[in-house]
Every structure is written in C-alpha cells, then in structure tokens.
PDB file of all heavy atoms in Angstrom:
ATOM      1  N   ILE A   1      12.898  16.527   2.434  1.00  0.00           N
ATOM      2  CA  ILE A   1      13.117  16.493   0.990  1.00  0.00           C
ATOM      3  C   ILE A   1      11.866  16.992   0.304  1.00  0.00           C
ATOM      4  O   ILE A   1      10.729  16.605   0.651  1.00  0.00           O
ATOM      5  CB  ILE A   1      13.412  15.057   0.510  1.00  0.00           C
ATOM      6  CG1 ILE A   1      14.710  14.536   1.104  1.00  0.00           C
ATOM      7  CG2 ILE A   1      13.421  14.969  -1.021  1.00  0.00           C
ATOM      8  CD1 ILE A   1      15.974  15.214   0.558  1.00  0.00           C
ATOM      9  N   VAL A   2      12.013  17.832  -0.678  1.00  0.00           N
ATOM     10  CA  VAL A   2      10.909  18.237  -1.567  1.00  0.00           C
ATOM     11  C   VAL A   2      11.346  17.818  -2.972  1.00  0.00           C
ATOM     12  O   VAL A   2      12.433  18.090  -3.440  1.00  0.00           O
ATOM     13  CB  VAL A   2      10.695  19.775  -1.539  1.00  0.00           C
ATOM     14  CG1 VAL A   2       9.619  20.191  -2.508  1.00  0.00           C
ATOM     15  CG2 VAL A   2      10.350  20.224  -0.100  1.00  0.00           C
ATOM     16  N   ALA A   3      10.451  17.057  -3.631  1.00  0.00           N
ATOM     17  CA  ALA A   3      10.765  16.508  -4.921  1.00  0.00           C
ATOM     18  C   ALA A   3       9.685  16.826  -5.925  1.00  0.00           C
ATOM     19  O   ALA A   3       8.491  16.974  -5.560  1.00  0.00           O
ATOM     20  CB  ALA A   3      10.917  14.994  -4.788  1.00  0.00           C
ATOM     21  N   LEU A   4      10.075  16.919  -7.192  1.00  0.00           N
ATOM     22  CA  LEU A   4       9.116  17.089  -8.282  1.00  0.00           C
ATOM     23  C   LEU A   4       9.272  15.937  -9.241  1.00  0.00           C
ATOM     24  O   LEU A   4      10.373  15.675  -9.765  1.00  0.00           O
ATOM     25  CB  LEU A   4       9.404  18.424  -9.020  1.00  0.00           C
ATOM     26  CG  LEU A   4       8.608  18.619 -10.305  1.00  0.00           C
ATOM     27  CD1 LEU A   4       7.093  18.693 -10.019  1.00  0.00           C
ATOM     28  CD2 LEU A   4       9.041  19.889 -11.021  1.00  0.00           C
ATOM     29  N   ASP A   5       8.203  15.214  -9.400  1.00  0.00           N
ATOM     30  CA  ASP A   5       8.169  14.125 -10.377  1.00  0.00           C
ATOM     31  C   ASP A   5       7.616  14.676 -11.662  1.00  0.00           C
ATOM     32  O   ASP A   5       6.405  14.920 -11.772  1.00  0.00           O
ATOM     33  CB  ASP A   5       7.306  12.974  -9.832  1.00  0.00           C
ATOM     34  CG  ASP A   5       7.212  11.816 -10.837  1.00  0.00           C
ATOM     35  OD1 ASP A   5       7.801  11.890 -11.931  1.00  0.00           O
ATOM     36  OD2 ASP A   5       6.511  10.823 -10.473  1.00  0.00           O
ATOM     37  N   GLY A   6       8.465  14.928 -12.630  1.00  0.00           N
ATOM     38  CA  GLY A   6       8.093  15.519 -13.925  1.00  0.00           C
ATOM     39  C   GLY A   6       7.207  14.593 -14.763  1.00  0.00           C
ATOM     40  O   GLY A   6       6.473  15.086 -15.607  1.00  0.00           O
ATOM     41  N   ARG A   7       7.272  13.328 -14.508  1.00  0.00           N
ATOM     42  CA  ARG A   7       6.416  12.374 -15.292  1.00  0.00           C
ATOM     43  C   ARG A   7       4.959  12.585 -14.948  1.00  0.00           C
ATOM     44  O   ARG A   7       4.092  12.439 -15.799  1.00  0.00           O
ATOM     45  CB  ARG A   7       6.773  10.937 -15.002  1.00  0.00           C
ATOM     46  CG  ARG A   7       8.086  10.478 -15.573  1.00  0.00           C
ATOM     47  CD  ARG A   7       8.261   8.995 -15.286  1.00  0.00           C
ATOM     48  NE  ARG A   7       9.555   8.507 -15.703  1.00  0.00           N
ATOM     49  CZ  ARG A   7       9.998   7.284 -15.459  1.00  0.00           C
ATOM     50  NH1 ARG A   7       9.229   6.406 -14.801  1.00  0.00           N
ATOM     51  NH2 ARG A   7      11.180   6.901 -15.876  1.00  0.00           N
ATOM     52  N   GLN A   8       4.714  12.865 -13.686  1.00  0.00           N
ATOM     53  CA  GLN A   8       3.320  12.952 -13.214  1.00  0.00           C
ATOM     54  C   GLN A   8       2.958  14.388 -12.796  1.00  0.00           C
ATOM     55  O   GLN A   8       1.844  14.602 -12.317  1.00  0.00           O
ATOM     56  CB  GLN A   8       3.103  12.031 -12.018  1.00  0.00           C
ATOM     57  CG  GLN A   8       3.431  10.578 -12.335  1.00  0.00           C
ATOM     58  CD  GLN A   8       3.261   9.713 -11.117  1.00  0.00           C
ATOM     59  OE1 GLN A   8       2.157   9.660 -10.546  1.00  0.00           O
ATOM     60  NE2 GLN A   8       4.294   9.015 -10.704  1.00  0.00           N
ATOM     61  N   ASP A   9       3.855  15.353 -12.979  1.00  0.00           N
ATOM     62  CA  ASP A   9       3.633  16.705 -12.490  1.00  0.00           C
ATOM     63  C   ASP A   9       3.156  16.670 -11.045  1.00  0.00           C
ATOM     64  O   ASP A   9       2.105  17.235 -10.676  1.00  0.00           O
ATOM     65  CB  ASP A   9       2.629  17.474 -13.363  1.00  0.00           C
ATOM     66  CG  ASP A   9       3.199  17.746 -14.724  1.00  0.00           C
ATOM     67  OD1 ASP A   9       4.427  17.965 -14.834  1.00  0.00           O
ATOM     68  OD2 ASP A   9       2.386  17.754 -15.705  1.00  0.00           O
ATOM     69  N   LEU A  10       3.925  16.019 -10.195  1.00  0.00           N
ATOM     70  CA  LEU A  10       3.561  15.791  -8.822  1.00  0.00           C
ATOM     71  C   LEU A  10       4.667  16.247  -7.891  1.00  0.00           C
ATOM     72  O   LEU A  10       5.852  15.921  -8.107  1.00  0.00           O
ATOM     73  CB  LEU A  10       3.323  14.261  -8.627  1.00  0.00           C
ATOM     74  CG  LEU A  10       2.906  13.765  -7.260  1.00  0.00           C
ATOM     75  CD1 LEU A  10       1.509  14.260  -6.930  1.00  0.00           C
ATOM     76  CD2 LEU A  10       2.922  12.265  -7.260  1.00  0.00           C
ATOM     77  N   TYR A  11       4.322  17.010  -6.858  1.00  0.00           N
ATOM     78  CA  TYR A  11       5.264  17.385  -5.802  1.00  0.00           C
ATOM     79  C   TYR A  11       5.168  16.358  -4.705  1.00  0.00           C
ATOM     80  O   TYR A  11       4.073  15.916  -4.327  1.00  0.00           O
ATOM     81  CB  TYR A  11       4.935  18.767  -5.220  1.00  0.00           C
ATOM     82  CG  TYR A  11       5.378  19.895  -6.091  1.00  0.00           C
ATOM     83  CD1 TYR A  11       4.473  20.568  -6.897  1.00  0.00           C
ATOM     84  CD2 TYR A  11       6.708  20.321  -6.085  1.00  0.00           C
ATOM     85  CE1 TYR A  11       4.878  21.644  -7.714  1.00  0.00           C
ATOM     86  CE2 TYR A  11       7.129  21.363  -6.866  1.00  0.00           C
ATOM     87  CZ  TYR A  11       6.187  22.013  -7.712  1.00  0.00           C
ATOM     88  OH  TYR A  11       6.644  23.031  -8.501  1.00  0.00           O
ATOM     89  N   LEU A  12       6.319  16.015  -4.162  1.00  0.00           N
ATOM     90  CA  LEU A  12       6.395  15.049  -3.065  1.00  0.00           C
ATOM     91  C   LEU A  12       7.205  15.660  -1.925  1.00  0.00           C
ATOM     92  O   LEU A  12       8.091  16.480  -2.184  1.00  0.00           O
ATOM     93  CB  LEU A  12       7.102  13.774  -3.537  1.00  0.00           C
ATOM     94  CG  LEU A  12       6.521  13.110  -4.791  1.00  0.00           C
ATOM     95  CD1 LEU A  12       7.551  12.175  -5.401  1.00  0.00           C
ATOM     96  CD2 LEU A  12       5.289  12.369  -4.444  1.00  0.00           C
ATOM     97  N   GLY A  13       6.930  15.247  -0.753  1.00  0.00           N
ATOM     98  CA  GLY A  13       7.682  15.695   0.408  1.00  0.00           C
ATOM     99  C   GLY A  13       7.904  14.599   1.387  1.00  0.00           C
ATOM    100  O   GLY A  13       7.107  13.635   1.445  1.00  0.00           O
ATOM    101  N   THR A  14       8.999  14.685   2.111  1.00  0.00           N
ATOM    102  CA  THR A  14       9.298  13.685   3.155  1.00  0.00           C
ATOM    103  C   THR A  14       9.514  14.400   4.493  1.00  0.00           C
ATOM    104  O   THR A  14       9.759  15.591   4.528  1.00  0.00           O
ATOM    105  CB  THR A  14      10.575  12.890   2.844  1.00  0.00           C
ATOM    106  OG1 THR A  14      11.702  13.765   2.970  1.00  0.00           O
ATOM    107  CG2 THR A  14      10.542  12.297   1.458  1.00  0.00           C
ATOM    108  N   ASN A  15       9.424  13.653   5.542  1.00  0.00           N
ATOM    109  CA  ASN A  15       9.823  14.170   6.844  1.00  0.00           C
ATOM    110  C   ASN A  15      11.332  13.880   7.058  1.00  0.00           C
ATOM    111  O   ASN A  15      12.001  13.452   6.085  1.00  0.00           O
ATOM    112  CB  ASN A  15       8.974  13.536   7.962  1.00  0.00           C
ATOM    113  CG  ASN A  15       9.099  12.001   8.000  1.00  0.00           C
ATOM    114  OD1 ASN A  15      10.038  11.420   7.434  1.00  0.00           O
ATOM    115  ND2 ASN A  15       8.152  11.377   8.673  1.00  0.00           N
ATOM    116  N   HIS A  16      11.819  14.110   8.218  1.00  0.00           N
ATOM    117  CA  HIS A  16      13.270  13.952   8.472  1.00  0.00           C
ATOM    118  C   HIS A  16      13.754  12.514   8.234  1.00  0.00           C
ATOM    119  O   HIS A  16      14.786  12.299   7.563  1.00  0.00           O
ATOM    120  CB  HIS A  16      13.584  14.397   9.901  1.00  0.00           C
ATOM    121  CG  HIS A  16      15.024  14.348  10.269  1.00  0.00           C
ATOM    122  ND1 HIS A  16      15.975  15.064   9.580  1.00  0.00           N
ATOM    123  CD2 HIS A  16      15.693  13.671  11.218  1.00  0.00           C
ATOM    124  CE1 HIS A  16      17.169  14.812  10.113  1.00  0.00           C
ATOM    125  NE2 HIS A  16      17.027  13.993  11.108  1.00  0.00           N
ATOM    126  N   SER A  17      13.024  11.529   8.722  1.00  0.00           N
ATOM    127  CA  SER A  17      13.466  10.147   8.531  1.00  0.00           C
ATOM    128  C   SER A  17      13.358   9.768   7.054  1.00  0.00           C
ATOM    129  O   SER A  17      14.233   9.073   6.521  1.00  0.00           O
ATOM    130  CB  SER A  17      12.689   9.183   9.416  1.00  0.00           C
ATOM    131  OG  SER A  17      11.327   9.220   9.161  1.00  0.00           O
ATOM    132  N   GLY A  18      12.307  10.223   6.381  1.00  0.00           N
ATOM    133  CA  GLY A  18      12.162   9.980   4.972  1.00  0.00           C
ATOM    134  C   GLY A  18      13.297  10.615   4.176  1.00  0.00           C
ATOM    135  O   GLY A  18      13.743  10.020   3.165  1.00  0.00           O
ATOM    136  N   ALA A  19      13.760  11.753   4.592  1.00  0.00           N
ATOM    137  CA  ALA A  19      14.865  12.418   3.896  1.00  0.00           C
ATOM    138  C   ALA A  19      16.149  11.599   4.023  1.00  0.00           C
ATOM    139  O   ALA A  19      16.928  11.504   3.053  1.00  0.00           O
ATOM    140  CB  ALA A  19      15.088  13.813   4.488  1.00  0.00           C
ATOM    141  N   GLN A  20      16.364  10.964   5.156  1.00  0.00           N
ATOM    142  CA  GLN A  20      17.518  10.105   5.333  1.00  0.00           C
ATOM    143  C   GLN A  20      17.460   8.914   4.356  1.00  0.00           C
ATOM    144  O   GLN A  20      18.453   8.584   3.685  1.00  0.00           O
ATOM    145  CB  GLN A  20      17.595   9.549   6.783  1.00  0.00           C
ATOM    146  CG  GLN A  20      17.794  10.642   7.839  1.00  0.00           C
ATOM    147  CD  GLN A  20      19.168  11.254   7.761  1.00  0.00           C
ATOM    148  OE1 GLN A  20      20.136  10.579   7.494  1.00  0.00           O
ATOM    149  NE2 GLN A  20      19.230  12.551   7.991  1.00  0.00           N
ATOM    150  N   LEU A  21      16.283   8.325   4.261  1.00  0.00           N
ATOM    151  CA  LEU A  21      16.078   7.196   3.351  1.00  0.00           C
ATOM    152  C   LEU A  21      16.220   7.647   1.906  1.00  0.00           C
ATOM    153  O   LEU A  21      16.829   6.975   1.089  1.00  0.00           O
ATOM    154  CB  LEU A  21      14.725   6.554   3.579  1.00  0.00           C
ATOM    155  CG  LEU A  21      14.511   5.945   4.981  1.00  0.00           C
ATOM    156  CD1 LEU A  21      13.071   5.468   5.113  1.00  0.00           C
ATOM    157  CD2 LEU A  21      15.497   4.818   5.218  1.00  0.00           C
ATOM    158  N   TRP A  22      15.635   8.798   1.555  1.00  0.00           N
ATOM    159  CA  TRP A  22      15.690   9.302   0.205  1.00  0.00           C
ATOM    160  C   TRP A  22      17.131   9.490  -0.275  1.00  0.00           C
ATOM    161  O   TRP A  22      17.529   9.069  -1.355  1.00  0.00           O
ATOM    162  CB  TRP A  22      14.943  10.613   0.135  1.00  0.00           C
ATOM    163  CG  TRP A  22      14.802  11.175  -1.225  1.00  0.00           C
ATOM    164  CD1 TRP A  22      15.723  11.895  -1.958  1.00  0.00           C
ATOM    165  CD2 TRP A  22      13.651  11.109  -2.080  1.00  0.00           C
ATOM    166  NE1 TRP A  22      15.230  12.238  -3.165  1.00  0.00           N
ATOM    167  CE2 TRP A  22      13.970  11.800  -3.290  1.00  0.00           C
ATOM    168  CE3 TRP A  22      12.388  10.561  -1.921  1.00  0.00           C
ATOM    169  CZ2 TRP A  22      13.054  11.923  -4.322  1.00  0.00           C
ATOM    170  CZ3 TRP A  22      11.468  10.701  -2.981  1.00  0.00           C
ATOM    171  CH2 TRP A  22      11.812  11.370  -4.138  1.00  0.00           C
ATOM    172  N   ARG A  23      17.960  10.117   0.589  1.00  0.00           N
ATOM    173  CA  ARG A  23      19.371  10.344   0.202  1.00  0.00           C
ATOM    174  C   ARG A  23      20.117   9.042   0.005  1.00  0.00           C
ATOM    175  O   ARG A  23      20.935   8.897  -0.868  1.00  0.00           O
ATOM    176  CB  ARG A  23      20.042  11.214   1.236  1.00  0.00           C
ATOM    177  CG  ARG A  23      19.617  12.676   1.184  1.00  0.00           C
ATOM    178  CD  ARG A  23      20.571  13.609   1.898  1.00  0.00           C
ATOM    179  NE  ARG A  23      20.345  14.137   3.205  1.00  0.00           N
ATOM    180  CZ  ARG A  23      19.208  14.483   3.766  1.00  0.00           C
ATOM    181  NH1 ARG A  23      18.095  14.334   3.192  1.00  0.00           N
ATOM    182  NH2 ARG A  23      19.196  15.047   4.980  1.00  0.00           N
ATOM    183  N   ALA A  24      19.806   8.065   0.887  1.00  0.00           N
ATOM    184  CA  ALA A  24      20.448   6.760   0.760  1.00  0.00           C
ATOM    185  C   ALA A  24      20.027   6.107  -0.579  1.00  0.00           C
ATOM    186  O   ALA A  24      20.837   5.514  -1.274  1.00  0.00           O
ATOM    187  CB  ALA A  24      20.122   5.856   1.925  1.00  0.00           C
ATOM    188  N   LEU A  25      18.751   6.221  -0.917  1.00  0.00           N
ATOM    189  CA  LEU A  25      18.258   5.633  -2.161  1.00  0.00           C
ATOM    190  C   LEU A  25      18.806   6.361  -3.373  1.00  0.00           C
ATOM    191  O   LEU A  25      18.937   5.757  -4.437  1.00  0.00           O
ATOM    192  CB  LEU A  25      16.728   5.640  -2.163  1.00  0.00           C
ATOM    193  CG  LEU A  25      16.056   4.659  -1.211  1.00  0.00           C
ATOM    194  CD1 LEU A  25      14.583   4.989  -1.054  1.00  0.00           C
ATOM    195  CD2 LEU A  25      16.288   3.261  -1.687  1.00  0.00           C
ATOM    196  N   ASP A  26      19.109   7.606  -3.231  1.00  0.00           N
ATOM    197  CA  ASP A  26      19.701   8.336  -4.351  1.00  0.00           C
ATOM    198  C   ASP A  26      21.046   7.760  -4.710  1.00  0.00           C
ATOM    199  O   ASP A  26      21.437   7.721  -5.910  1.00  0.00           O
ATOM    200  CB  ASP A  26      19.840   9.826  -3.996  1.00  0.00           C
ATOM    201  CG  ASP A  26      20.325  10.655  -5.182  1.00  0.00           C
ATOM    202  OD1 ASP A  26      19.731  10.545  -6.266  1.00  0.00           O
ATOM    203  OD2 ASP A  26      21.303  11.424  -4.986  1.00  0.00           O
ATOM    204  N   ASN A  27      21.778   7.262  -3.712  1.00  0.00           N
ATOM    205  CA  ASN A  27      23.083   6.627  -3.921  1.00  0.00           C
ATOM    206  C   ASN A  27      22.974   5.142  -4.190  1.00  0.00           C
ATOM    207  O   ASN A  27      23.951   4.506  -4.636  1.00  0.00           O
ATOM    208  CB  ASN A  27      23.986   6.852  -2.720  1.00  0.00           C
ATOM    209  CG  ASN A  27      24.341   8.322  -2.553  1.00  0.00           C
ATOM    210  OD1 ASN A  27      24.684   8.991  -3.517  1.00  0.00           O
ATOM    211  ND2 ASN A  27      24.247   8.810  -1.323  1.00  0.00           N
ATOM    212  N   GLY A  28      21.851   4.549  -3.881  1.00  0.00           N
ATOM    213  CA  GLY A  28      21.621   3.117  -4.019  1.00  0.00           C
ATOM    214  C   GLY A  28      21.804   2.448  -2.684  1.00  0.00           C
ATOM    215  O   GLY A  28      22.861   2.647  -2.049  1.00  0.00           O
ATOM    216  N   ALA A  29      20.824   1.717  -2.232  1.00  0.00           N
ATOM    217  CA  ALA A  29      20.876   1.049  -0.941  1.00  0.00           C
ATOM    218  C   ALA A  29      19.969  -0.174  -0.949  1.00  0.00           C
ATOM    219  O   ALA A  29      18.963  -0.181  -1.653  1.00  0.00           O
ATOM    220  CB  ALA A  29      20.444   1.990   0.183  1.00  0.00           C
ATOM    221  N   THR A  30      20.323  -1.133  -0.117  1.00  0.00           N
ATOM    222  CA  THR A  30      19.420  -2.287   0.075  1.00  0.00           C
ATOM    223  C   THR A  30      18.440  -1.966   1.178  1.00  0.00           C
ATOM    224  O   THR A  30      18.648  -1.055   2.007  1.00  0.00           O
ATOM    225  CB  THR A  30      20.240  -3.535   0.440  1.00  0.00           C
ATOM    226  OG1 THR A  30      20.843  -3.317   1.749  1.00  0.00           O
ATOM    227  CG2 THR A  30      21.297  -3.857  -0.590  1.00  0.00           C
ATOM    228  N   ARG A  31      17.423  -2.799   1.252  1.00  0.00           N
ATOM    229  CA  ARG A  31      16.434  -2.643   2.316  1.00  0.00           C
ATOM    230  C   ARG A  31      17.126  -2.756   3.682  1.00  0.00           C
ATOM    231  O   ARG A  31      16.868  -1.970   4.603  1.00  0.00           O
ATOM    232  CB  ARG A  31      15.369  -3.707   2.183  1.00  0.00           C
ATOM    233  CG  ARG A  31      14.291  -3.673   3.233  1.00  0.00           C
ATOM    234  CD  ARG A  31      13.241  -4.790   3.000  1.00  0.00           C
ATOM    235  NE  ARG A  31      12.306  -4.809   4.109  1.00  0.00           N
ATOM    236  CZ  ARG A  31      12.519  -5.492   5.247  1.00  0.00           C
ATOM    237  NH1 ARG A  31      13.599  -6.208   5.402  1.00  0.00           N
ATOM    238  NH2 ARG A  31      11.624  -5.491   6.181  1.00  0.00           N
ATOM    239  N   SER A  32      18.021  -3.718   3.830  1.00  0.00           N
ATOM    240  CA  SER A  32      18.726  -3.915   5.092  1.00  0.00           C
ATOM    241  C   SER A  32      19.540  -2.702   5.472  1.00  0.00           C
ATOM    242  O   SER A  32      19.596  -2.310   6.648  1.00  0.00           O
ATOM    243  CB  SER A  32      19.628  -5.137   5.048  1.00  0.00           C
ATOM    244  OG  SER A  32      18.877  -6.314   4.850  1.00  0.00           O
ATOM    245  N   GLN A  33      20.185  -2.089   4.505  1.00  0.00           N
ATOM    246  CA  GLN A  33      20.990  -0.878   4.793  1.00  0.00           C
ATOM    247  C   GLN A  33      20.061   0.256   5.232  1.00  0.00           C
ATOM    248  O   GLN A  33      20.454   1.044   6.117  1.00  0.00           O
ATOM    249  CB  GLN A  33      21.761  -0.469   3.527  1.00  0.00           C
ATOM    250  CG  GLN A  33      22.896  -1.401   3.205  1.00  0.00           C
ATOM    251  CD  GLN A  33      23.523  -1.132   1.850  1.00  0.00           C
ATOM    252  OE1 GLN A  33      22.877  -0.677   0.920  1.00  0.00           O
ATOM    253  NE2 GLN A  33      24.844  -1.436   1.734  1.00  0.00           N
ATOM    254  N   LEU A  34      18.891   0.348   4.652  1.00  0.00           N
ATOM    255  CA  LEU A  34      17.963   1.402   5.027  1.00  0.00           C
ATOM    256  C   LEU A  34      17.480   1.228   6.462  1.00  0.00           C
ATOM    257  O   LEU A  34      17.376   2.161   7.220  1.00  0.00           O
ATOM    258  CB  LEU A  34      16.792   1.458   4.082  1.00  0.00           C
ATOM    259  CG  LEU A  34      17.125   1.814   2.614  1.00  0.00           C
ATOM    260  CD1 LEU A  34      15.893   1.664   1.738  1.00  0.00           C
ATOM    261  CD2 LEU A  34      17.715   3.230   2.531  1.00  0.00           C
ATOM    262  N   ILE A  35      17.211  -0.035   6.795  1.00  0.00           N
ATOM    263  CA  ILE A  35      16.783  -0.331   8.183  1.00  0.00           C
ATOM    264  C   ILE A  35      17.876   0.023   9.153  1.00  0.00           C
ATOM    265  O   ILE A  35      17.632   0.675  10.181  1.00  0.00           O
ATOM    266  CB  ILE A  35      16.362  -1.826   8.291  1.00  0.00           C
ATOM    267  CG1 ILE A  35      15.097  -2.092   7.511  1.00  0.00           C
ATOM    268  CG2 ILE A  35      16.203  -2.242   9.758  1.00  0.00           C
ATOM    269  CD1 ILE A  35      14.747  -3.537   7.263  1.00  0.00           C
ATOM    270  N   GLU A  36      19.090  -0.393   8.826  1.00  0.00           N
ATOM    271  CA  GLU A  36      20.238  -0.084   9.719  1.00  0.00           C
ATOM    272  C   GLU A  36      20.430   1.434   9.839  1.00  0.00           C
ATOM    273  O   GLU A  36      20.721   1.940  10.932  1.00  0.00           O
ATOM    274  CB  GLU A  36      21.491  -0.703   9.129  1.00  0.00           C
ATOM    275  CG  GLU A  36      22.704  -0.569  10.005  1.00  0.00           C
ATOM    276  CD  GLU A  36      23.918  -1.258   9.428  1.00  0.00           C
ATOM    277  OE1 GLU A  36      23.767  -2.228   8.668  1.00  0.00           O
ATOM    278  OE2 GLU A  36      25.049  -0.840   9.738  1.00  0.00           O
ATOM    279  N   LEU A  37      20.196   2.174   8.761  1.00  0.00           N
ATOM    280  CA  LEU A  37      20.313   3.634   8.802  1.00  0.00           C
ATOM    281  C   LEU A  37      19.332   4.224   9.799  1.00  0.00           C
ATOM    282  O   LEU A  37      19.725   5.071  10.599  1.00  0.00           O
ATOM    283  CB  LEU A  37      20.076   4.203   7.387  1.00  0.00           C
ATOM    284  CG  LEU A  37      20.035   5.716   7.259  1.00  0.00           C
ATOM    285  CD1 LEU A  37      21.389   6.353   7.597  1.00  0.00           C
ATOM    286  CD2 LEU A  37      19.573   6.119   5.876  1.00  0.00           C
ATOM    287  N   LEU A  38      18.100   3.781   9.752  1.00  0.00           N
ATOM    288  CA  LEU A  38      17.108   4.308  10.697  1.00  0.00           C
ATOM    289  C   LEU A  38      17.421   3.920  12.168  1.00  0.00           C
ATOM    290  O   LEU A  38      17.276   4.730  13.068  1.00  0.00           O
ATOM    291  CB  LEU A  38      15.702   3.852  10.365  1.00  0.00           C
ATOM    292  CG  LEU A  38      15.088   4.433   9.085  1.00  0.00           C
ATOM    293  CD1 LEU A  38      13.619   3.992   8.957  1.00  0.00           C
ATOM    294  CD2 LEU A  38      15.197   5.960   9.024  1.00  0.00           C
ATOM    295  N   VAL A  39      17.832   2.664  12.351  1.00  0.00           N
ATOM    296  CA  VAL A  39      18.181   2.212  13.706  1.00  0.00           C
ATOM    297  C   VAL A  39      19.299   3.051  14.258  1.00  0.00           C
ATOM    298  O   VAL A  39      19.237   3.550  15.384  1.00  0.00           O
ATOM    299  CB  VAL A  39      18.546   0.721  13.690  1.00  0.00           C
ATOM    300  CG1 VAL A  39      19.201   0.277  15.016  1.00  0.00           C
ATOM    301  CG2 VAL A  39      17.349  -0.145  13.393  1.00  0.00           C
ATOM    302  N   ASP A  40      20.347   3.272  13.463  1.00  0.00           N
ATOM    303  CA  ASP A  40      21.518   4.011  13.898  1.00  0.00           C
ATOM    304  C   ASP A  40      21.232   5.504  14.054  1.00  0.00           C
ATOM    305  O   ASP A  40      21.688   6.141  15.041  1.00  0.00           O
ATOM    306  CB  ASP A  40      22.675   3.850  12.933  1.00  0.00           C
ATOM    307  CG  ASP A  40      23.230   2.428  12.933  1.00  0.00           C
ATOM    308  OD1 ASP A  40      22.941   1.662  13.849  1.00  0.00           O
ATOM    309  OD2 ASP A  40      23.976   2.122  11.967  1.00  0.00           O
ATOM    310  N   THR A  41      20.478   6.099  13.157  1.00  0.00           N
ATOM    311  CA  THR A  41      20.235   7.530  13.184  1.00  0.00           C
ATOM    312  C   THR A  41      19.221   7.946  14.231  1.00  0.00           C
ATOM    313  O   THR A  41      19.403   8.964  14.886  1.00  0.00           O
ATOM    314  CB  THR A  41      19.740   8.016  11.779  1.00  0.00           C
ATOM    315  OG1 THR A  41      20.721   7.641  10.801  1.00  0.00           O
ATOM    316  CG2 THR A  41      19.543   9.524  11.762  1.00  0.00           C
TER     317      THR A  41
END
C-alpha cells in the first residue's frame, strides 16, 4: 500500500502483511479480526 496523508503531506508505505491489515482497516476491523487475518493469511 502507498498512501498520502494530506493533513501532514506525508507519504506512507506498507509491506505485504501491512497491506492486508490496511485493507481490513479500511472496511473496519477489530484487533482480534486483524490478528486472525494474519494467522490465516
């Protein structure tokens, strides 16, 4: 994931596992769901 935070004029990047978490957070997820996502993926 490559992201631009317009509030801070900051570019952000994630690795593959971070991208999985990012997409889940975009839809809304609990901490437990994120952990399960990494375990399963």
